[in-house]
Protein backbone atom coordinates (compact mmCIF):
# COMPACT_ATOMS: atom_id res chain seq x y z
CA UNK A 1 87.57 111.23 107.78
CA UNK A 2 90.55 110.52 109.69
CA UNK A 3 91.12 111.96 113.00
CA UNK A 4 94.38 113.08 112.35
CA UNK A 5 97.11 113.90 109.33
CA UNK A 6 100.71 113.98 110.13
CA UNK A 7 101.96 115.64 106.54
CA UNK A 8 105.50 115.93 106.01
CA UNK A 9 106.45 119.23 103.42
CA UNK A 10 109.32 117.22 101.53
CA UNK A 11 111.81 119.38 99.25
CA UNK A 12 114.74 117.62 98.28
CA UNK A 13 114.96 116.60 101.64
CA UNK A 14 115.59 112.54 101.33
CA UNK A 15 118.37 112.50 103.78
CA UNK A 16 115.55 114.16 106.36
CA UNK A 17 113.18 111.39 105.03
CA UNK A 18 115.85 108.50 105.89
CA UNK A 19 116.84 109.48 109.02
CA UNK A 20 113.11 110.34 110.76
CA UNK A 21 110.68 108.82 108.65
CA UNK A 22 111.14 105.61 110.82
CA UNK A 23 110.18 107.53 113.58
CA UNK A 24 107.44 109.04 112.65
CA UNK A 25 106.08 105.69 111.53
CA UNK A 26 106.60 104.17 114.48
CA UNK A 27 105.04 106.47 117.12
CA UNK A 28 102.56 107.78 114.65
CA UNK A 29 100.76 105.16 112.89
CA UNK A 30 98.52 104.37 115.67
CA UNK A 31 97.16 107.59 116.13
CA UNK A 32 97.25 109.17 112.87
CA UNK A 33 98.00 108.71 108.91
CA UNK A 34 101.27 109.68 107.59
CA UNK A 35 101.27 111.94 104.77
CA UNK A 36 104.08 113.25 102.54
CA UNK A 37 103.92 116.68 100.49
CA UNK A 38 106.46 116.61 97.82
CA UNK A 39 107.18 120.51 96.78
CA UNK A 40 108.38 119.45 93.10
CA UNK A 41 111.94 117.84 94.50
CA UNK A 42 114.80 117.50 92.39
CA UNK A 43 116.18 114.87 94.20
CA UNK A 44 115.02 111.02 94.81
CA UNK A 45 113.06 111.61 97.44
CA UNK A 46 110.16 110.58 95.66
CA UNK A 47 111.86 106.99 94.47
CA UNK A 48 113.43 106.66 97.64
CA UNK A 49 109.96 107.08 99.08
CA UNK A 50 108.24 104.90 96.51
CA UNK A 51 110.98 101.77 97.21
CA UNK A 52 110.80 101.43 100.54
CA UNK A 53 107.28 103.24 101.58
CA UNK A 54 104.84 102.19 98.99
CA UNK A 55 102.15 102.08 101.69
CA UNK A 56 102.77 105.85 102.66
CA UNK A 57 100.25 108.26 100.44
CA UNK A 58 102.44 111.37 98.50
CA UNK A 59 100.88 114.07 97.29
CA UNK A 60 102.99 115.40 94.61
CA UNK A 61 102.95 119.43 93.83
CA UNK A 62 103.52 120.78 90.92
CA UNK A 63 105.69 123.46 92.42
CA UNK A 64 108.32 124.43 95.25
CA UNK A 65 105.84 127.17 95.95
CA UNK A 66 107.46 127.23 99.49
CA UNK A 67 106.25 126.24 102.84
CA UNK A 68 102.98 128.40 102.59
CA UNK A 69 101.75 127.26 99.25
CA UNK A 70 102.95 123.98 99.88
CA UNK A 71 100.99 123.13 102.42
CA UNK A 72 97.90 124.97 101.03
CA UNK A 73 97.95 122.75 97.98
CA UNK A 74 98.53 119.56 100.05
CA UNK A 75 96.22 120.15 103.06
CA UNK A 76 93.34 121.04 99.94
CA UNK A 77 93.26 117.09 99.21
CA UNK A 78 93.52 115.69 102.85
CA UNK A 79 90.36 114.87 104.93
CA UNK A 80 91.16 115.13 108.62
CA UNK A 81 89.79 116.57 111.19
CA UNK A 82 93.09 117.65 112.75
CA UNK A 83 96.14 118.18 110.81
CA UNK A 84 100.03 117.81 112.14
CA UNK A 85 102.32 120.25 110.04
CA UNK A 86 105.01 118.53 110.73
CA UNK A 87 109.00 119.27 109.06
CA UNK A 88 111.05 116.59 107.89
CA UNK A 89 114.09 117.17 110.26
CA UNK A 90 111.91 116.60 113.24
CA UNK A 91 112.46 113.34 115.84
CA UNK A 92 109.07 112.44 116.89
CA UNK A 93 108.98 110.36 120.73
CA UNK A 94 106.26 107.68 121.74
CA UNK A 95 103.04 109.18 122.39
CA UNK A 96 103.50 112.39 120.92
CA UNK A 97 99.96 113.15 119.39
CA UNK A 98 97.73 112.02 122.29
CA UNK A 99 98.57 114.55 124.57
CA UNK A 100 98.07 117.43 122.00
CA UNK A 101 94.58 115.72 120.26
CA UNK A 102 93.36 115.21 124.12
CA UNK A 103 93.89 118.97 124.89
CA UNK A 104 92.83 120.15 121.60
CA UNK A 105 89.57 117.72 122.27
CA UNK A 106 89.06 119.13 125.85
CA UNK A 107 88.24 122.52 124.55
CA UNK A 108 86.89 123.64 120.94
CA UNK A 109 88.29 127.36 121.30
CA UNK A 110 91.54 125.81 120.85
CA UNK A 111 92.40 126.61 117.22
CA UNK A 112 96.19 125.69 117.00
CA UNK A 113 98.89 123.92 119.45
CA UNK A 114 102.62 122.65 119.57
CA UNK A 115 104.39 120.38 121.21
CA UNK A 116 107.56 121.22 123.08
CA UNK A 117 110.66 121.45 120.91
CA UNK A 118 114.14 120.45 122.03
CA UNK A 119 117.20 120.68 119.71
CA UNK A 120 118.59 117.36 117.89
CA UNK A 121 122.09 118.80 118.36
CA UNK A 122 122.34 119.43 121.82
CA UNK A 123 118.77 117.27 123.20
CA UNK A 124 118.55 118.74 126.92
CA UNK A 125 118.13 122.50 125.13
CA UNK A 126 115.56 124.19 124.04
CA UNK A 127 115.45 124.56 120.12
CA UNK A 128 115.07 127.66 118.42
CA UNK A 129 111.88 127.43 116.13
CA UNK A 130 109.82 126.77 118.85
CA UNK A 131 110.89 126.19 121.85
CA UNK A 132 108.10 125.69 124.81
CA UNK A 133 105.74 128.56 122.55
CA UNK A 134 105.94 131.64 120.72
CA UNK A 135 105.23 135.00 121.82
CA UNK A 136 105.52 138.09 120.32
CA UNK A 137 106.57 142.00 121.58
CA UNK A 138 104.37 145.11 121.10
CA UNK A 139 106.74 146.17 118.20
CA UNK A 140 106.26 142.71 116.38
CA UNK A 141 109.70 140.88 117.54
CA UNK A 142 109.42 136.84 118.50
CA UNK A 143 110.88 134.99 120.84
CA UNK A 144 109.95 132.06 123.08
CA UNK A 145 109.92 130.89 126.57
CA UNK A 146 112.92 129.09 126.43
CA UNK A 147 114.72 131.09 123.73
CA UNK A 148 115.35 134.74 123.77
CA UNK A 149 117.39 135.44 120.29
CA UNK A 150 119.97 133.17 120.41
CA UNK A 151 120.42 132.23 123.68
CA UNK A 152 118.64 128.67 124.34
CA UNK A 153 117.82 127.63 128.05
CA UNK A 154 118.28 124.13 128.70
CA UNK A 155 115.31 122.36 129.65
CA UNK A 156 115.44 121.45 133.48
CA UNK A 157 111.52 121.10 133.29
CA UNK A 158 110.44 125.01 133.85
CA UNK A 159 107.86 125.07 131.25
CA UNK A 160 106.31 121.54 131.92
CA UNK A 161 103.06 123.73 132.30
CA UNK A 162 100.36 123.41 129.46
CA UNK A 163 99.61 126.85 128.81
CA UNK A 164 98.18 129.35 126.07
CA UNK A 165 101.08 131.32 124.04
CA UNK A 166 100.61 133.55 120.91
CA UNK A 167 102.18 131.91 118.19
CA UNK A 168 102.46 127.72 117.46
CA UNK A 169 105.86 126.81 115.42
CA UNK A 170 105.21 125.44 111.89
CA UNK A 171 107.89 123.25 112.38
CA UNK A 172 105.01 120.76 114.39
CA UNK A 173 101.80 122.10 114.40
CA UNK A 174 98.51 120.87 115.28
CA UNK A 175 95.62 122.56 113.37
CA UNK A 176 91.75 122.03 113.74
CA UNK A 177 90.77 121.48 109.88
CA UNK A 178 87.97 123.18 109.67
CA UNK A 179 89.65 126.02 110.67
CA UNK A 180 92.39 126.08 108.96
CA UNK A 181 90.34 126.28 105.77
CA UNK A 182 87.99 128.54 106.96
CA UNK A 183 90.70 131.39 107.86
CA UNK A 184 92.30 130.51 104.50
CA UNK A 185 95.84 128.80 106.00
CA UNK A 186 98.83 130.31 105.95
CA UNK A 187 99.53 133.33 103.60
CA UNK A 188 101.46 132.31 99.86
CA UNK A 189 102.49 135.34 99.52
CA UNK A 190 105.08 134.96 102.97
CA UNK A 191 106.68 131.64 101.21
CA UNK A 192 108.49 130.85 104.12
CA UNK A 193 108.96 132.09 107.44
CA UNK A 194 106.95 133.63 110.27
CA UNK A 195 103.35 132.38 107.67
CA UNK A 196 102.38 130.38 111.44
CA UNK A 197 102.57 133.74 113.44
CA UNK A 198 100.63 135.85 110.87
CA UNK A 199 98.61 132.36 110.91
CA UNK A 200 98.20 132.14 114.55
CA UNK A 201 97.36 136.19 115.01
CA UNK A 202 94.36 135.63 112.70
CA UNK A 203 92.89 132.98 114.40
CA UNK A 204 93.77 135.11 117.73
CA UNK A 205 91.73 137.91 116.07
CA UNK A 206 88.84 135.91 115.50
CA UNK A 207 89.25 134.71 119.64
CA UNK A 208 90.69 131.78 119.58
CA UNK A 209 93.45 130.14 121.34
CA UNK A 210 97.08 128.89 120.51
CA UNK A 211 98.30 126.59 123.05
CA UNK A 212 101.46 124.50 124.12
CA UNK A 213 101.24 121.12 125.44
CA UNK A 214 104.12 120.26 127.72
CA UNK A 215 103.64 116.31 127.24
CA UNK A 216 104.60 116.01 123.72
CA UNK A 217 107.92 116.16 123.30
CA UNK A 218 110.04 116.48 119.20
CA UNK A 219 113.36 117.01 118.78
CA UNK A 220 114.37 119.69 115.77
CA UNK A 221 117.83 120.13 113.54
CA UNK A 222 116.49 123.04 112.23
CA UNK A 223 118.30 125.12 109.58
CA UNK A 224 116.99 122.22 107.05
CA UNK A 225 116.07 124.16 104.55
CA UNK A 226 117.87 127.58 105.23
CA UNK A 227 120.41 127.92 107.71
CA UNK A 228 120.39 130.81 110.33
CA UNK A 229 123.14 133.14 108.61
CA UNK A 230 121.68 132.97 104.86
CA UNK A 231 120.94 136.05 103.41
CA UNK A 232 117.83 134.77 101.86
CA UNK A 233 116.40 133.73 105.66
CA UNK A 234 117.54 137.59 106.50
CA UNK A 235 115.01 139.03 103.38
CA UNK A 236 112.22 136.53 104.39
CA UNK A 237 112.44 137.28 108.04
CA UNK A 238 112.35 141.37 107.87
CA UNK A 239 110.20 141.49 105.02
CA UNK A 240 107.53 138.82 106.49
CA UNK A 241 107.67 140.73 110.12
CA UNK A 242 106.49 143.71 108.29
CA UNK A 243 103.51 141.67 106.40
CA UNK A 244 102.00 140.32 109.68
CA UNK A 245 102.30 143.25 111.46
CA UNK A 246 100.48 145.52 108.56
CA UNK A 247 97.84 143.01 108.30
CA UNK A 248 96.98 142.46 112.21
CA UNK A 249 98.18 145.19 114.19
CA UNK A 250 94.71 147.53 115.43
CA UNK A 251 94.82 150.35 113.64
CA UNK A 252 95.51 152.77 116.82
CA UNK A 253 98.67 150.92 116.71
CA UNK A 254 99.81 151.08 112.83
CA UNK A 255 101.39 154.55 113.00
CA UNK A 256 103.22 154.36 115.75
CA UNK A 257 104.63 150.87 115.58
CA UNK A 258 105.88 151.44 112.38
CA UNK A 259 107.68 154.58 112.95
CA UNK A 260 109.44 152.66 115.82
CA UNK A 261 110.30 149.52 113.40
CA UNK A 262 111.43 151.98 110.85
CA UNK A 263 114.10 153.01 113.13
CA UNK A 264 114.97 149.47 114.74
CA UNK A 265 115.47 147.97 111.58
CA UNK A 266 118.00 150.73 110.47
CA UNK A 267 120.10 150.10 113.29
CA UNK A 268 119.72 146.46 112.41
CA UNK A 269 120.96 147.65 109.12
CA UNK A 270 123.93 149.47 110.54
CA UNK A 271 124.67 146.41 112.59
CA UNK A 272 125.07 144.30 109.53
CA UNK A 273 127.04 146.73 107.68
CA UNK A 274 129.49 147.47 110.54
CA UNK A 275 130.27 143.26 111.06
CA UNK A 276 130.73 143.21 106.91
CA UNK A 277 127.22 141.60 106.25
CA UNK A 278 126.69 143.40 103.16
CA UNK A 279 124.39 140.79 101.39
CA UNK A 280 122.41 141.07 104.85
CA UNK A 281 122.00 144.99 104.55
CA UNK A 282 120.99 144.66 101.13
CA UNK A 283 118.46 142.00 102.68
CA UNK A 284 117.17 144.26 104.96
CA UNK A 285 116.53 147.09 102.38
CA UNK A 286 115.28 144.79 99.34
CA UNK A 287 112.83 143.51 102.31
CA UNK A 288 111.23 147.22 102.58
CA UNK A 289 111.24 147.88 98.99
CA UNK A 290 109.27 144.57 98.86
CA UNK A 291 106.96 145.41 101.61
CA UNK A 292 106.42 148.57 100.18
CA UNK A 293 105.44 147.07 96.15
CA UNK A 294 102.93 144.60 97.77
CA UNK A 295 101.02 147.79 100.27
CA UNK A 296 98.07 147.53 98.39
CA UNK A 297 97.80 143.65 98.51
CA UNK A 298 98.47 143.53 101.67
CA UNK A 299 96.13 146.52 102.28
CA UNK A 300 93.18 144.29 100.85
CA UNK A 301 93.74 141.35 103.20
CA UNK A 302 93.65 143.43 106.18
CA UNK A 303 90.15 144.61 105.48
CA UNK A 304 89.14 140.83 105.55
CA UNK A 305 91.00 140.26 108.93
CA UNK A 306 88.98 141.38 112.44
CA UNK A 307 91.31 143.45 114.51
CA UNK A 308 91.41 143.14 118.21
CA UNK A 309 93.62 143.56 121.17
CA UNK A 310 94.65 140.16 121.61
CA UNK A 311 95.93 138.54 124.78
CA UNK A 312 99.45 136.86 124.88
CA UNK A 313 101.79 139.57 123.39
CA UNK A 314 104.34 141.02 125.47
CA UNK A 315 104.15 144.94 125.93
CA UNK A 316 107.90 145.92 126.08
CA UNK A 317 110.77 145.86 123.69
CA UNK A 318 112.04 142.39 124.06
CA UNK A 319 115.19 143.58 121.59
CA UNK A 320 115.70 146.48 124.43
CA UNK A 321 114.88 143.81 127.09
CA UNK A 322 117.81 141.28 125.66
CA UNK A 323 120.33 143.91 124.32
CA UNK A 324 120.58 146.80 126.89
CA UNK A 325 119.10 144.93 130.34
CA UNK A 326 120.81 141.78 129.50
CA UNK A 327 117.80 139.21 130.34
CA UNK A 328 118.47 136.20 128.58
CA UNK A 329 116.32 133.79 130.39
CA UNK A 330 112.12 134.00 129.58
CA UNK A 331 111.46 134.15 133.36
CA UNK A 332 113.28 137.05 134.04
CA UNK A 333 110.43 139.22 131.75
CA UNK A 334 108.00 140.62 133.71
CA UNK A 335 104.67 138.81 133.83
CA UNK A 336 102.29 141.61 133.82
CA UNK A 337 103.89 143.19 130.92
CA UNK A 338 102.22 140.48 129.04
CA UNK A 339 98.64 141.02 127.95
């Protein structure tokens, strides 16, 4: 068994492999095995890999089952103590692995950890997908230290403290392999988006910690598969957000949260319509229909999850704070409002 395996999930991402894989190899080879898991790519990714990096192990998935299934299928074939799920559009930096592994080695209750994510395009700013660690509010809206909705902070060292968070980004997620398999890995039904939040929440329900390590820095392009304004992404985000809430919320919170979310999703749909975003409007409606259609399946999943009052949830409405109260910085949120 190897100590650490960096597994990059690829789907038609030759341009990212060409650009970023050299950094991964240069800055990881002494600390980890590097593996490419290919999701049945139709470009010449595999030919490029075999010609340029014949020494790199390639796991060939039979289909493009999305981010979740792609990793689940690949990681079933990887024997390591720690997995690093790494997006192909990540530029890693020198000594990016050791600080995270050392932190996780120091505390057996840490199940998952992420490095600091900064933007590849604007290198002094935090990156949307994970920034300095993820949180959610009491209605399930995700945000990060360093990123509230579309407002990205400049990294001035304000989040240079390693700390416990609610969710770690799937773009660069370190996880104990034993726990990944014991608790079912990523949910295949999510396909992509928010599957890492669901996974982290399930682990928190079991009493484990999710951490952010400030001593490791990577740069993320973001939007490599689906751009932010893509209606498919809108659909997945709305549907999967309902999935993770229904699966993980304690029973005494379910009805209240869902009533409020129905109202707030209605407002979001009206906003899309007023801006001419009819594809996004339809995406929200489809997301709700898909959620109701999968109710029985998710109810069965819910039966196998321990539901607890977990820490690091923001007990306010981040949507109200951002749009009505004009709060743009994580540090403007009241710390006493975090459980």
